[in-house]
Amino acid sequence: MVFESGNLDATFAAAAGEDPALLAELRVAFAESVARQLDLLKRSRCDANWEMAAQRLKGLAASFHADGLIALADEAVQAAPGEPTVIRRIEAFHREFVGERG
């Protein structure tokens, strides 16, 4: 399931129109935002910090219609702080989004 590009790509295309530079900029900004929230999740050890990072990730995902990431953020919301399986799955989403296969 990790990275589903349909809705996310359509959202980027709608926002950027015919401007490839803007499209690239939006993709970079999204990737950086996901990375920031992922970093916060990795460093969170208390329920409040974990919950805040997971909810921010979910809000980011919802803003761009990234359905796969919304589901992963929901899993994080329900998980215990530092849950490694959730973190690994979000990392996989991020890697695939930025094109780092492997």
PDB file of N, CA and C in Angstrom:
ATOM      1  N   MET A   1       0.809  -1.190   0.000  1.00  0.00           N
ATOM      2  CA  MET A   1       0.000   0.000   0.000  1.00  0.00           C
ATOM      3  C   MET A   1       0.855   1.257   0.000  1.00  0.00           C
ATOM      4  N   VAL A   2       2.024   1.199   0.383  1.00  0.00           N
ATOM      5  CA  VAL A   2       2.790   2.341   0.852  1.00  0.00           C
ATOM      6  C   VAL A   2       2.434   3.655   0.157  1.00  0.00           C
ATOM      7  N   PHE A   3       2.851   3.866  -1.068  1.00  0.00           N
ATOM      8  CA  PHE A   3       2.660   5.160  -1.712  1.00  0.00           C
ATOM      9  C   PHE A   3       1.672   5.022  -2.853  1.00  0.00           C
ATOM     10  N   GLU A   4       0.528   5.675  -2.726  1.00  0.00           N
ATOM     11  CA  GLU A   4      -0.478   5.686  -3.777  1.00  0.00           C
ATOM     12  C   GLU A   4      -0.482   7.076  -4.373  1.00  0.00           C
ATOM     13  N   SER A   5      -0.139   7.175  -5.638  1.00  0.00           N
ATOM     14  CA  SER A   5       0.104   8.492  -6.213  1.00  0.00           C
ATOM     15  C   SER A   5      -1.116   9.164  -6.816  1.00  0.00           C
ATOM     16  N   GLY A   6      -2.199   8.466  -7.053  1.00  0.00           N
ATOM     17  CA  GLY A   6      -3.337   9.025  -7.781  1.00  0.00           C
ATOM     18  C   GLY A   6      -3.855  10.355  -7.277  1.00  0.00           C
ATOM     19  N   ASN A   7      -4.454  10.373  -6.098  1.00  0.00           N
ATOM     20  CA  ASN A   7      -5.023  11.608  -5.560  1.00  0.00           C
ATOM     21  C   ASN A   7      -3.955  12.648  -5.264  1.00  0.00           C
ATOM     22  N   LEU A   8      -2.821  12.206  -4.769  1.00  0.00           N
ATOM     23  CA  LEU A   8      -1.738  13.125  -4.427  1.00  0.00           C
ATOM     24  C   LEU A   8      -1.214  13.810  -5.685  1.00  0.00           C
ATOM     25  N   ASP A   9      -0.938  13.038  -6.719  1.00  0.00           N
ATOM     26  CA  ASP A   9      -0.460  13.626  -7.970  1.00  0.00           C
ATOM     27  C   ASP A   9      -1.488  14.571  -8.575  1.00  0.00           C
ATOM     28  N   ALA A  10      -2.760  14.212  -8.498  1.00  0.00           N
ATOM     29  CA  ALA A  10      -3.813  15.078  -9.026  1.00  0.00           C
ATOM     30  C   ALA A  10      -3.881  16.392  -8.255  1.00  0.00           C
ATOM     31  N   THR A  11      -3.690  16.335  -6.966  1.00  0.00           N
ATOM     32  CA  THR A  11      -3.697  17.556  -6.145  1.00  0.00           C
ATOM     33  C   THR A  11      -2.532  18.460  -6.520  1.00  0.00           C
ATOM     34  N   PHE A  12      -1.346  17.869  -6.667  1.00  0.00           N
ATOM     35  CA  PHE A  12      -0.185  18.668  -7.082  1.00  0.00           C
ATOM     36  C   PHE A  12      -0.422  19.290  -8.462  1.00  0.00           C
ATOM     37  N   ALA A  13      -0.940  18.502  -9.383  1.00  0.00           N
ATOM     38  CA  ALA A  13      -1.179  19.002 -10.742  1.00  0.00           C
ATOM     39  C   ALA A  13      -2.207  20.127 -10.746  1.00  0.00           C
ATOM     40  N   ALA A  14      -3.251  19.988  -9.965  1.00  0.00           N
ATOM     41  CA  ALA A  14      -4.275  21.026  -9.896  1.00  0.00           C
ATOM     42  C   ALA A  14      -3.718  22.312  -9.300  1.00  0.00           C
ATOM     43  N   ALA A  15      -2.863  22.176  -8.306  1.00  0.00           N
ATOM     44  CA  ALA A  15      -2.290  23.355  -7.656  1.00  0.00           C
ATOM     45  C   ALA A  15      -1.254  24.042  -8.537  1.00  0.00           C
ATOM     46  N   ALA A  16      -0.483  23.258  -9.278  1.00  0.00           N
ATOM     47  CA  ALA A  16       0.612  23.822 -10.077  1.00  0.00           C
ATOM     48  C   ALA A  16       0.184  24.237 -11.471  1.00  0.00           C
ATOM     49  N   GLY A  17      -0.920  23.680 -11.938  1.00  0.00           N
ATOM     50  CA  GLY A  17      -1.342  23.987 -13.303  1.00  0.00           C
ATOM     51  C   GLY A  17      -0.286  23.537 -14.298  1.00  0.00           C
ATOM     52  N   GLU A  18       0.069  24.424 -15.198  1.00  0.00           N
ATOM     53  CA  GLU A  18       1.049  24.103 -16.243  1.00  0.00           C
ATOM     54  C   GLU A  18       2.461  24.545 -15.876  1.00  0.00           C
ATOM     55  N   ASP A  19       2.710  24.817 -14.618  1.00  0.00           N
ATOM     56  CA  ASP A  19       4.007  25.332 -14.178  1.00  0.00           C
ATOM     57  C   ASP A  19       4.855  24.205 -13.576  1.00  0.00           C
ATOM     58  N   PRO A  20       5.784  23.641 -14.354  1.00  0.00           N
ATOM     59  CA  PRO A  20       6.584  22.521 -13.837  1.00  0.00           C
ATOM     60  C   PRO A  20       7.484  22.917 -12.664  1.00  0.00           C
ATOM     61  N   ALA A  21       7.930  24.156 -12.630  1.00  0.00           N
ATOM     62  CA  ALA A  21       8.765  24.602 -11.504  1.00  0.00           C
ATOM     63  C   ALA A  21       7.954  24.626 -10.216  1.00  0.00           C
ATOM     64  N   LEU A  22       6.717  25.108 -10.292  1.00  0.00           N
ATOM     65  CA  LEU A  22       5.846  25.125  -9.126  1.00  0.00           C
ATOM     66  C   LEU A  22       5.516  23.707  -8.682  1.00  0.00           C
ATOM     67  N   LEU A  23       5.281  22.819  -9.627  1.00  0.00           N
ATOM     68  CA  LEU A  23       5.005  21.420  -9.297  1.00  0.00           C
ATOM     69  C   LEU A  23       6.181  20.819  -8.531  1.00  0.00           C
ATOM     70  N   ALA A  24       7.389  21.055  -9.024  1.00  0.00           N
ATOM     71  CA  ALA A  24       8.575  20.534  -8.346  1.00  0.00           C
ATOM     72  C   ALA A  24       8.709  21.131  -6.949  1.00  0.00           C
ATOM     73  N   GLU A  25       8.437  22.416  -6.821  1.00  0.00           N
ATOM     74  CA  GLU A  25       8.526  23.088  -5.527  1.00  0.00           C
ATOM     75  C   GLU A  25       7.506  22.522  -4.536  1.00  0.00           C
ATOM     76  N   LEU A  26       6.294  22.270  -5.002  1.00  0.00           N
ATOM     77  CA  LEU A  26       5.264  21.691  -4.130  1.00  0.00           C
ATOM     78  C   LEU A  26       5.663  20.296  -3.655  1.00  0.00           C
ATOM     79  N   ARG A  27       6.207  19.506  -4.562  1.00  0.00           N
ATOM     80  CA  ARG A  27       6.622  18.155  -4.196  1.00  0.00           C
ATOM     81  C   ARG A  27       7.741  18.186  -3.148  1.00  0.00           C
ATOM     82  N   VAL A  28       8.699  19.097  -3.321  1.00  0.00           N
ATOM     83  CA  VAL A  28       9.790  19.227  -2.360  1.00  0.00           C
ATOM     84  C   VAL A  28       9.249  19.678  -1.005  1.00  0.00           C
ATOM     85  N   ALA A  29       8.363  20.661  -1.014  1.00  0.00           N
ATOM     86  CA  ALA A  29       7.793  21.164   0.238  1.00  0.00           C
ATOM     87  C   ALA A  29       7.021  20.065   0.966  1.00  0.00           C
ATOM     88  N   PHE A  30       6.258  19.276   0.226  1.00  0.00           N
ATOM     89  CA  PHE A  30       5.518  18.171   0.830  1.00  0.00           C
ATOM     90  C   PHE A  30       6.482  17.152   1.434  1.00  0.00           C
ATOM     91  N   ALA A  31       7.497  16.770   0.674  1.00  0.00           N
ATOM     92  CA  ALA A  31       8.468  15.784   1.152  1.00  0.00           C
ATOM     93  C   ALA A  31       9.179  16.285   2.413  1.00  0.00           C
ATOM     94  N   GLU A  32       9.550  17.551   2.426  1.00  0.00           N
ATOM     95  CA  GLU A  32      10.216  18.114   3.601  1.00  0.00           C
ATOM     96  C   GLU A  32       9.290  18.147   4.806  1.00  0.00           C
ATOM     97  N   SER A  33       8.029  18.452   4.579  1.00  0.00           N
ATOM     98  CA  SER A  33       7.065  18.477   5.683  1.00  0.00           C
ATOM     99  C   SER A  33       6.841  17.079   6.252  1.00  0.00           C
ATOM    100  N   VAL A  34       6.733  16.094   5.372  1.00  0.00           N
ATOM    101  CA  VAL A  34       6.596  14.712   5.844  1.00  0.00           C
ATOM    102  C   VAL A  34       7.831  14.328   6.657  1.00  0.00           C
ATOM    103  N   ALA A  35       9.007  14.687   6.159  1.00  0.00           N
ATOM    104  CA  ALA A  35      10.255  14.355   6.863  1.00  0.00           C
ATOM    105  C   ALA A  35      10.299  15.000   8.242  1.00  0.00           C
ATOM    106  N   ARG A  36       9.837  16.252   8.356  1.00  0.00           N
ATOM    107  CA  ARG A  36       9.829  16.930   9.658  1.00  0.00           C
ATOM    108  C   ARG A  36       8.934  16.212  10.655  1.00  0.00           C
ATOM    109  N   GLN A  37       7.734  15.847  10.219  1.00  0.00           N
ATOM    110  CA  GLN A  37       6.810  15.170  11.130  1.00  0.00           C
ATOM    111  C   GLN A  37       7.306  13.769  11.474  1.00  0.00           C
ATOM    112  N   LEU A  38       7.924  13.109  10.513  1.00  0.00           N
ATOM    113  CA  LEU A  38       8.503  11.796  10.768  1.00  0.00           C
ATOM    114  C   LEU A  38       9.612  11.898  11.810  1.00  0.00           C
ATOM    115  N   ASP A  39      10.441  12.918  11.688  1.00  0.00           N
ATOM    116  CA  ASP A  39      11.499  13.133  12.672  1.00  0.00           C
ATOM    117  C   ASP A  39      10.905  13.361  14.067  1.00  0.00           C
ATOM    118  N   LEU A  40       9.845  14.160  14.135  1.00  0.00           N
ATOM    119  CA  LEU A  40       9.190  14.387  15.430  1.00  0.00           C
ATOM    120  C   LEU A  40       8.613  13.092  16.002  1.00  0.00           C
ATOM    121  N   LEU A  41       8.030  12.271  15.137  1.00  0.00           N
ATOM    122  CA  LEU A  41       7.516  10.983  15.605  1.00  0.00           C
ATOM    123  C   LEU A  41       8.654  10.130  16.169  1.00  0.00           C
ATOM    124  N   LYS A  42       9.766  10.093  15.470  1.00  0.00           N
ATOM    125  CA  LYS A  42      10.895   9.271  15.912  1.00  0.00           C
ATOM    126  C   LYS A  42      11.430   9.728  17.269  1.00  0.00           C
ATOM    127  N   ARG A  43      11.389  11.025  17.519  1.00  0.00           N
ATOM    128  CA  ARG A  43      11.927  11.560  18.769  1.00  0.00           C
ATOM    129  C   ARG A  43      10.900  11.610  19.896  1.00  0.00           C
ATOM    130  N   SER A  44       9.645  11.380  19.592  1.00  0.00           N
ATOM    131  CA  SER A  44       8.585  11.455  20.602  1.00  0.00           C
ATOM    132  C   SER A  44       8.618  10.246  21.518  1.00  0.00           C
ATOM    133  N   ARG A  45       8.573  10.525  22.798  1.00  0.00           N
ATOM    134  CA  ARG A  45       8.534   9.442  23.776  1.00  0.00           C
ATOM    135  C   ARG A  45       7.312   9.548  24.686  1.00  0.00           C
ATOM    136  N   CYS A  46       6.636  10.677  24.645  1.00  0.00           N
ATOM    137  CA  CYS A  46       5.429  10.803  25.467  1.00  0.00           C
ATOM    138  C   CYS A  46       4.211  10.839  24.544  1.00  0.00           C
ATOM    139  N   ASP A  47       3.074  10.507  25.111  1.00  0.00           N
ATOM    140  CA  ASP A  47       1.836  10.444  24.340  1.00  0.00           C
ATOM    141  C   ASP A  47       1.506  11.772  23.661  1.00  0.00           C
ATOM    142  N   ALA A  48       1.685  12.880  24.355  1.00  0.00           N
ATOM    143  CA  ALA A  48       1.294  14.185  23.813  1.00  0.00           C
ATOM    144  C   ALA A  48       2.121  14.558  22.585  1.00  0.00           C
ATOM    145  N   ASN A  49       3.427  14.377  22.648  1.00  0.00           N
ATOM    146  CA  ASN A  49       4.271  14.716  21.504  1.00  0.00           C
ATOM    147  C   ASN A  49       4.004  13.793  20.321  1.00  0.00           C
ATOM    148  N   TRP A  50       3.839  12.517  20.599  1.00  0.00           N
ATOM    149  CA  TRP A  50       3.538  11.546  19.547  1.00  0.00           C
ATOM    150  C   TRP A  50       2.211  11.909  18.872  1.00  0.00           C
ATOM    151  N   GLU A  51       1.208  12.164  19.692  1.00  0.00           N
ATOM    152  CA  GLU A  51      -0.124  12.506  19.173  1.00  0.00           C
ATOM    153  C   GLU A  51      -0.060  13.773  18.312  1.00  0.00           C
ATOM    154  N   MET A  52       0.655  14.779  18.759  1.00  0.00           N
ATOM    155  CA  MET A  52       0.750  16.032  18.010  1.00  0.00           C
ATOM    156  C   MET A  52       1.425  15.797  16.650  1.00  0.00           C
ATOM    157  N   ALA A  53       2.516  15.062  16.633  1.00  0.00           N
ATOM    158  CA  ALA A  53       3.212  14.800  15.373  1.00  0.00           C
ATOM    159  C   ALA A  53       2.340  13.967  14.433  1.00  0.00           C
ATOM    160  N   ALA A  54       1.662  12.975  14.972  1.00  0.00           N
ATOM    161  CA  ALA A  54       0.793  12.129  14.147  1.00  0.00           C
ATOM    162  C   ALA A  54      -0.379  12.929  13.573  1.00  0.00           C
ATOM    163  N   GLN A  55      -0.963  13.797  14.390  1.00  0.00           N
ATOM    164  CA  GLN A  55      -2.080  14.614  13.911  1.00  0.00           C
ATOM    165  C   GLN A  55      -1.618  15.637  12.866  1.00  0.00           C
ATOM    166  N   ARG A  56      -0.439  16.205  13.060  1.00  0.00           N
ATOM    167  CA  ARG A  56       0.102  17.131  12.057  1.00  0.00           C
ATOM    168  C   ARG A  56       0.368  16.408  10.747  1.00  0.00           C
ATOM    169  N   LEU A  57       0.899  15.203  10.834  1.00  0.00           N
ATOM    170  CA  LEU A  57       1.141  14.408   9.636  1.00  0.00           C
ATOM    171  C   LEU A  57      -0.175  14.106   8.930  1.00  0.00           C
ATOM    172  N   LYS A  58      -1.184  13.777   9.715  1.00  0.00           N
ATOM    173  CA  LYS A  58      -2.501  13.493   9.130  1.00  0.00           C
ATOM    174  C   LYS A  58      -3.077  14.740   8.458  1.00  0.00           C
ATOM    175  N   GLY A  59      -2.923  15.901   9.090  1.00  0.00           N
ATOM    176  CA  GLY A  59      -3.405  17.145   8.493  1.00  0.00           C
ATOM    177  C   GLY A  59      -2.687  17.468   7.195  1.00  0.00           C
ATOM    178  N   LEU A  60      -1.381  17.272   7.177  1.00  0.00           N
ATOM    179  CA  LEU A  60      -0.599  17.480   5.960  1.00  0.00           C
ATOM    180  C   LEU A  60      -1.084  16.546   4.863  1.00  0.00           C
ATOM    181  N   ALA A  61      -1.240  15.288   5.203  1.00  0.00           N
ATOM    182  CA  ALA A  61      -1.692  14.295   4.228  1.00  0.00           C
ATOM    183  C   ALA A  61      -3.077  14.633   3.697  1.00  0.00           C
ATOM    184  N   ALA A  62      -3.968  15.057   4.570  1.00  0.00           N
ATOM    185  CA  ALA A  62      -5.323  15.407   4.155  1.00  0.00           C
ATOM    186  C   ALA A  62      -5.326  16.634   3.244  1.00  0.00           C
ATOM    187  N   SER A  63      -4.447  17.591   3.519  1.00  0.00           N
ATOM    188  CA  SER A  63      -4.366  18.799   2.699  1.00  0.00           C
ATOM    189  C   SER A  63      -4.013  18.480   1.251  1.00  0.00           C
ATOM    190  N   PHE A  64      -3.252  17.400   1.045  1.00  0.00           N
ATOM    191  CA  PHE A  64      -2.818  17.031  -0.293  1.00  0.00           C
ATOM    192  C   PHE A  64      -3.516  15.778  -0.818  1.00  0.00           C
ATOM    193  N   HIS A  65      -4.533  15.316  -0.110  1.00  0.00           N
ATOM    194  CA  HIS A  65      -5.297  14.128  -0.506  1.00  0.00           C
ATOM    195  C   HIS A  65      -4.405  12.900  -0.661  1.00  0.00           C
ATOM    196  N   ALA A  66      -3.429  12.756   0.229  1.00  0.00           N
ATOM    197  CA  ALA A  66      -2.518  11.610   0.215  1.00  0.00           C
ATOM    198  C   ALA A  66      -3.137  10.498   1.060  1.00  0.00           C
ATOM    199  N   ASP A  67      -4.035   9.743   0.438  1.00  0.00           N
ATOM    200  CA  ASP A  67      -4.831   8.752   1.161  1.00  0.00           C
ATOM    201  C   ASP A  67      -3.992   7.716   1.907  1.00  0.00           C
ATOM    202  N   GLY A  68      -2.935   7.233   1.279  1.00  0.00           N
ATOM    203  CA  GLY A  68      -2.075   6.250   1.938  1.00  0.00           C
ATOM    204  C   GLY A  68      -1.423   6.813   3.185  1.00  0.00           C
ATOM    205  N   LEU A  69      -0.998   8.060   3.110  1.00  0.00           N
ATOM    206  CA  LEU A  69      -0.366   8.694   4.263  1.00  0.00           C
ATOM    207  C   LEU A  69      -1.393   9.014   5.348  1.00  0.00           C
ATOM    208  N   ILE A  70      -2.606   9.345   4.961  1.00  0.00           N
ATOM    209  CA  ILE A  70      -3.667   9.553   5.951  1.00  0.00           C
ATOM    210  C   ILE A  70      -3.863   8.272   6.770  1.00  0.00           C
ATOM    211  N   ALA A  71      -3.915   7.144   6.082  1.00  0.00           N
ATOM    212  CA  ALA A  71      -4.090   5.858   6.772  1.00  0.00           C
ATOM    213  C   ALA A  71      -2.915   5.568   7.703  1.00  0.00           C
ATOM    214  N   LEU A  72      -1.705   5.874   7.251  1.00  0.00           N
ATOM    215  CA  LEU A  72      -0.530   5.659   8.096  1.00  0.00           C
ATOM    216  C   LEU A  72      -0.548   6.580   9.314  1.00  0.00           C
ATOM    217  N   ALA A  73      -0.953   7.820   9.113  1.00  0.00           N
ATOM    218  CA  ALA A  73      -1.045   8.762  10.234  1.00  0.00           C
ATOM    219  C   ALA A  73      -2.109   8.310  11.229  1.00  0.00           C
ATOM    220  N   ASP A  74      -3.212   7.778  10.727  1.00  0.00           N
ATOM    221  CA  ASP A  74      -4.241   7.224  11.616  1.00  0.00           C
ATOM    222  C   ASP A  74      -3.674   6.076  12.452  1.00  0.00           C
ATOM    223  N   GLU A  75      -2.865   5.228  11.815  1.00  0.00           N
ATOM    224  CA  GLU A  75      -2.226   4.142  12.553  1.00  0.00           C
ATOM    225  C   GLU A  75      -1.331   4.706  13.652  1.00  0.00           C
ATOM    226  N   ALA A  76      -0.601   5.772  13.325  1.00  0.00           N
ATOM    227  CA  ALA A  76       0.283   6.391  14.318  1.00  0.00           C
ATOM    228  C   ALA A  76      -0.512   6.957  15.483  1.00  0.00           C
ATOM    229  N   VAL A  77      -1.634   7.582  15.184  1.00  0.00           N
ATOM    230  CA  VAL A  77      -2.479   8.154  16.244  1.00  0.00           C
ATOM    231  C   VAL A  77      -2.888   7.057  17.231  1.00  0.00           C
ATOM    232  N   GLN A  78      -3.179   5.880  16.721  1.00  0.00           N
ATOM    233  CA  GLN A  78      -3.643   4.774  17.560  1.00  0.00           C
ATOM    234  C   GLN A  78      -2.505   4.020  18.247  1.00  0.00           C
ATOM    235  N   ALA A  79      -1.279   4.200  17.773  1.00  0.00           N
ATOM    236  CA  ALA A  79      -0.140   3.432  18.271  1.00  0.00           C
ATOM    237  C   ALA A  79       0.491   4.090  19.496  1.00  0.00           C
ATOM    238  N   ALA A  80       1.310   3.318  20.164  1.00  0.00           N
ATOM    239  CA  ALA A  80       2.074   3.829  21.302  1.00  0.00           C
ATOM    240  C   ALA A  80       3.237   4.675  20.786  1.00  0.00           C
ATOM    241  N   PRO A  81       3.661   5.666  21.551  1.00  0.00           N
ATOM    242  CA  PRO A  81       4.807   6.483  21.136  1.00  0.00           C
ATOM    243  C   PRO A  81       6.024   5.628  20.798  1.00  0.00           C
ATOM    244  N   GLY A  82       6.638   5.939  19.649  1.00  0.00           N
ATOM    245  CA  GLY A  82       7.836   5.225  19.224  1.00  0.00           C
ATOM    246  C   GLY A  82       7.580   3.899  18.532  1.00  0.00           C
ATOM    247  N   GLU A  83       6.327   3.579  18.246  1.00  0.00           N
ATOM    248  CA  GLU A  83       5.988   2.294  17.620  1.00  0.00           C
ATOM    249  C   GLU A  83       6.801   2.108  16.331  1.00  0.00           C
ATOM    250  N   PRO A  84       7.738   1.159  16.318  1.00  0.00           N
ATOM    251  CA  PRO A  84       8.649   1.042  15.181  1.00  0.00           C
ATOM    252  C   PRO A  84       7.999   0.622  13.869  1.00  0.00           C
ATOM    253  N   THR A  85       6.955  -0.192  13.923  1.00  0.00           N
ATOM    254  CA  THR A  85       6.341  -0.623  12.667  1.00  0.00           C
ATOM    255  C   THR A  85       5.666   0.548  11.954  1.00  0.00           C
ATOM    256  N   VAL A  86       5.041   1.426  12.699  1.00  0.00           N
ATOM    257  CA  VAL A  86       4.402   2.598  12.110  1.00  0.00           C
ATOM    258  C   VAL A  86       5.459   3.527  11.525  1.00  0.00           C
ATOM    259  N   ILE A  87       6.510   3.751  12.269  1.00  0.00           N
ATOM    260  CA  ILE A  87       7.585   4.622  11.794  1.00  0.00           C
ATOM    261  C   ILE A  87       8.184   4.066  10.504  1.00  0.00           C
ATOM    262  N   ARG A  88       8.452   2.768  10.464  1.00  0.00           N
ATOM    263  CA  ARG A  88       9.033   2.159   9.254  1.00  0.00           C
ATOM    264  C   ARG A  88       8.116   2.317   8.050  1.00  0.00           C
ATOM    265  N   ARG A  89       6.832   2.193   8.259  1.00  0.00           N
ATOM    266  CA  ARG A  89       5.889   2.314   7.135  1.00  0.00           C
ATOM    267  C   ARG A  89       5.814   3.757   6.638  1.00  0.00           C
ATOM    268  N   ILE A  90       5.874   4.710   7.536  1.00  0.00           N
ATOM    269  CA  ILE A  90       5.879   6.123   7.119  1.00  0.00           C
ATOM    270  C   ILE A  90       7.202   6.437   6.421  1.00  0.00           C
ATOM    271  N   GLU A  91       8.296   5.896   6.928  1.00  0.00           N
ATOM    272  CA  GLU A  91       9.593   6.069   6.252  1.00  0.00           C
ATOM    273  C   GLU A  91       9.542   5.501   4.836  1.00  0.00           C
ATOM    274  N   ALA A  92       8.925   4.349   4.670  1.00  0.00           N
ATOM    275  CA  ALA A  92       8.810   3.737   3.344  1.00  0.00           C
ATOM    276  C   ALA A  92       7.986   4.619   2.408  1.00  0.00           C
ATOM    277  N   PHE A  93       6.892   5.188   2.929  1.00  0.00           N
ATOM    278  CA  PHE A  93       6.087   6.120   2.127  1.00  0.00           C
ATOM    279  C   PHE A  93       6.961   7.280   1.666  1.00  0.00           C
ATOM    280  N   HIS A  94       7.692   7.860   2.599  1.00  0.00           N
ATOM    281  CA  HIS A  94       8.535   9.018   2.280  1.00  0.00           C
ATOM    282  C   HIS A  94       9.610   8.656   1.259  1.00  0.00           C
ATOM    283  N   ARG A  95      10.296   7.532   1.466  1.00  0.00           N
ATOM    284  CA  ARG A  95      11.334   7.097   0.522  1.00  0.00           C
ATOM    285  C   ARG A  95      10.763   6.919  -0.874  1.00  0.00           C
ATOM    286  N   GLU A  96       9.619   6.279  -0.954  1.00  0.00           N
ATOM    287  CA  GLU A  96       9.024   6.030  -2.266  1.00  0.00           C
ATOM    288  C   GLU A  96       8.581   7.346  -2.902  1.00  0.00           C
ATOM    289  N   PHE A  97       8.045   8.247  -2.100  1.00  0.00           N
ATOM    290  CA  PHE A  97       7.609   9.536  -2.640  1.00  0.00           C
ATOM    291  C   PHE A  97       8.781  10.316  -3.239  1.00  0.00           C
ATOM    292  N   VAL A  98       9.903  10.332  -2.546  1.00  0.00           N
ATOM    293  CA  VAL A  98      11.053  11.096  -3.043  1.00  0.00           C
ATOM    294  C   VAL A  98      11.882  10.295  -4.042  1.00  0.00           C
ATOM    295  N   GLY A  99      11.517   9.040  -4.259  1.00  0.00           N
ATOM    296  CA  GLY A  99      12.164   8.258  -5.305  1.00  0.00           C
ATOM    297  C   GLY A  99      13.383   7.477  -4.867  1.00  0.00           C
ATOM    298  N   GLU A 100      13.531   7.265  -3.577  1.00  0.00           N
ATOM    299  CA  GLU A 100      14.654   6.483  -3.068  1.00  0.00           C
ATOM    300  C   GLU A 100      14.231   5.039  -2.907  1.00  0.00           C
ATOM    301  N   ARG A 101      14.069   4.349  -3.963  1.00  0.00           N
ATOM    302  CA  ARG A 101      13.645   2.942  -3.896  1.00  0.00           C
ATOM    303  C   ARG A 101      14.719   2.110  -3.227  1.00  0.00           C
ATOM    304  N   GLY A 102      14.254   1.218  -2.333  1.00  0.00           N
ATOM    305  CA  GLY A 102      15.226   0.308  -1.759  1.00  0.00           C
ATOM    306  C   GLY A 102      15.348   0.299  -0.319  1.00  0.00           C
TER     307      GLY A 102
END
